[in-house]
C-alpha atoms as a PDB file:
ATOM      1  CA  MET A   1    -127.843  34.938 -92.149  1.00  0.00           C
ATOM      2  CA  ILE A   2    -127.889  37.573 -89.430  1.00  0.00           C
ATOM      3  CA  THR A   3    -128.315  36.116 -85.956  1.00  0.00           C
ATOM      4  CA  ASP A   4    -128.239  39.276 -83.831  1.00  0.00           C
ATOM      5  CA  LEU A   5    -130.678  41.666 -85.482  1.00  0.00           C
ATOM      6  CA  GLU A   6    -130.561  44.205 -82.646  1.00  0.00           C
ATOM      7  CA  LYS A   7    -126.760  44.528 -82.850  1.00  0.00           C
ATOM      8  CA  THR A   8    -127.006  44.790 -86.636  1.00  0.00           C
ATOM      9  CA  ARG A   9    -129.684  47.495 -86.319  1.00  0.00           C
ATOM     10  CA  VAL A  10    -127.325  49.552 -84.123  1.00  0.00           C
ATOM     11  CA  LEU A  11    -124.521  49.194 -86.676  1.00  0.00           C
ATOM     12  CA  VAL A  12    -126.821  50.109 -89.585  1.00  0.00           C
ATOM     13  CA  GLU A  13    -128.098  53.154 -87.669  1.00  0.00           C
ATOM     14  CA  LYS A  14    -124.494  54.234 -87.055  1.00  0.00           C
ATOM     15  CA  ALA A  15    -123.709  53.901 -90.776  1.00  0.00           C
ATOM     16  CA  LEU A  16    -126.902  55.739 -91.669  1.00  0.00           C
ATOM     17  CA  ASN A  17    -125.842  58.576 -89.381  1.00  0.00           C
ATOM     18  CA  ARG A  18    -122.806  59.083 -91.641  1.00  0.00           C
ATOM     19  CA  VAL A  19    -125.021  59.948 -94.625  1.00  0.00           C
ATOM     20  CA  ARG A  20    -127.808  61.728 -92.734  1.00  0.00           C
ATOM     21  CA  PRO A  21    -126.209  65.206 -92.861  1.00  0.00           C
ATOM     22  CA  ALA A  22    -126.279  65.123 -96.673  1.00  0.00           C
ATOM     23  CA  LEU A  23    -129.879  63.885 -96.730  1.00  0.00           C
ATOM     24  CA  GLN A  24    -130.977  66.469 -94.191  1.00  0.00           C
ATOM     25  CA  ALA A  25    -129.183  69.268 -96.030  1.00  0.00           C
ATOM     26  CA  ASP A  26    -131.555  68.604 -98.930  1.00  0.00           C
ATOM     27  CA  GLY A  27    -134.610  68.452 -96.663  1.00  0.00           C
ATOM     28  CA  GLY A  28    -134.875  64.683 -96.390  1.00  0.00           C
ATOM     29  CA  ASP A  29    -133.943  61.756 -94.181  1.00  0.00           C
ATOM     30  CA  ALA A  30    -134.149  57.967 -93.970  1.00  0.00           C
ATOM     31  CA  GLU A  31    -135.594  55.755 -91.252  1.00  0.00           C
ATOM     32  CA  ILE A  32    -135.005  52.038 -90.732  1.00  0.00           C
ATOM     33  CA  VAL A  33    -138.230  50.093 -91.217  1.00  0.00           C
ATOM     34  CA  GLU A  34    -136.854  46.559 -91.031  1.00  0.00           C
ATOM     35  CA  ILE A  35    -133.730  44.451 -91.235  1.00  0.00           C
ATOM     36  CA  SER A  36    -134.348  40.891 -92.387  1.00  0.00           C
ATOM     37  CA  PRO A  37    -132.348  37.890 -91.169  1.00  0.00           C
ATOM     38  CA  GLU A  38    -131.193  37.546 -94.801  1.00  0.00           C
ATOM     39  CA  GLY A  39    -129.429  40.935 -94.604  1.00  0.00           C
ATOM     40  CA  VAL A  40    -131.895  43.169 -96.448  1.00  0.00           C
ATOM     41  CA  VAL A  41    -132.438  46.623 -94.948  1.00  0.00           C
ATOM     42  CA  THR A  42    -135.721  48.360 -95.709  1.00  0.00           C
ATOM     43  CA  LEU A  43    -135.700  52.132 -95.290  1.00  0.00           C
ATOM     44  CA  LYS A  44    -138.400  54.757 -95.434  1.00  0.00           C
ATOM     45  CA  LEU A  45    -137.199  57.839 -97.283  1.00  0.00           C
ATOM     46  CA  VAL A  46    -138.899  60.877 -95.767  1.00  0.00           C
ATOM     47  CA  GLY A  47    -139.224  64.565 -96.516  1.00  0.00           C
ATOM     48  CA  ALA A  48    -137.681  65.697 -99.772  1.00  0.00           C
ATOM     49  CA  CYS A  49    -136.035  62.292-100.244  1.00  0.00           C
ATOM     50  CA  GLY A  50    -139.371  60.519-100.439  1.00  0.00           C
ATOM     51  CA  GLY A  51    -140.533  62.085-103.675  1.00  0.00           C
ATOM     52  CA  CYS A  52    -137.193  62.955-105.225  1.00  0.00           C
ATOM     53  CA  ALA A  53    -136.502  61.661-108.726  1.00  0.00           C
ATOM     54  CA  MET A  54    -132.908  60.939-107.661  1.00  0.00           C
ATOM     55  CA  SER A  55    -133.927  58.866-104.623  1.00  0.00           C
ATOM     56  CA  THR A  56    -133.052  55.518-106.241  1.00  0.00           C
ATOM     57  CA  MET A  57    -129.545  56.732-107.050  1.00  0.00           C
ATOM     58  CA  THR A  58    -129.162  58.190-103.552  1.00  0.00           C
ATOM     59  CA  LEU A  59    -130.351  54.921-102.045  1.00  0.00           C
ATOM     60  CA  LYS A  60    -128.121  52.590-104.062  1.00  0.00           C
ATOM     61  CA  GLN A  61    -124.970  54.635-104.691  1.00  0.00           C
ATOM     62  CA  GLY A  62    -124.985  56.569-101.434  1.00  0.00           C
ATOM     63  CA  ILE A  63    -126.853  54.976 -98.574  1.00  0.00           C
ATOM     64  CA  GLU A  64    -126.431  51.313 -99.562  1.00  0.00           C
ATOM     65  CA  ARG A  65    -122.738  51.746-100.364  1.00  0.00           C
ATOM     66  CA  VAL A  66    -121.991  53.225 -96.930  1.00  0.00           C
ATOM     67  CA  ILE A  67    -124.128  50.712 -95.025  1.00  0.00           C
ATOM     68  CA  ARG A  68    -122.589  47.719 -96.819  1.00  0.00           C
ATOM     69  CA  MET A  69    -119.067  49.073 -96.207  1.00  0.00           C
ATOM     70  CA  GLU A  70    -119.781  49.480 -92.484  1.00  0.00           C
ATOM     71  CA  VAL A  71    -121.926  46.351 -92.022  1.00  0.00           C
ATOM     72  CA  PRO A  72    -120.687  43.594 -94.390  1.00  0.00           C
ATOM     73  CA  GLU A  73    -123.513  41.176 -93.500  1.00  0.00           C
ATOM     74  CA  ILE A  74    -125.982  43.532 -95.201  1.00  0.00           C
ATOM     75  CA  VAL A  75    -126.555  42.386 -98.787  1.00  0.00           C
ATOM     76  CA  SER A  76    -129.047  44.989-100.005  1.00  0.00           C
ATOM     77  CA  VAL A  77    -130.853  48.197 -99.073  1.00  0.00           C
ATOM     78  CA  GLN A  78    -134.317  48.951-100.411  1.00  0.00           C
ATOM     79  CA  ALA A  79    -136.906  51.649 -99.843  1.00  0.00           C
ATOM     80  CA  THR A  80    -140.563  51.300 -98.991  1.00  0.00           C
ATOM     81  CA  PRO A  81    -142.893  52.651-101.663  1.00  0.00           C
ATOM     82  CA  TYR A  82    -143.307  56.396-101.279  1.00  0.00           C
ATOM     83  CA  SER A  83    -146.579  57.483 -99.670  1.00  0.00           C
ATOM     84  CA  GLU A  84    -147.041  60.890 -98.091  1.00  0.00           C
END
């Protein structure tokens, strides 16, 4: 259970900044929508990442892996349904 969501948000944003250059190089990005007290991060994939067929792999094997390495209290990363 995460008790300091604001501190966790800062740490998640810092971890997300590590993968952003790769996302942006392909014309996409990710924005934090929510972090639950249970440790689930919800992201909005934007730009090219939003509609990309590889977005699930990018989310789980790229973004989630880095965030969970940097912020151990995070248990999962999920994306909002794509709508643009």
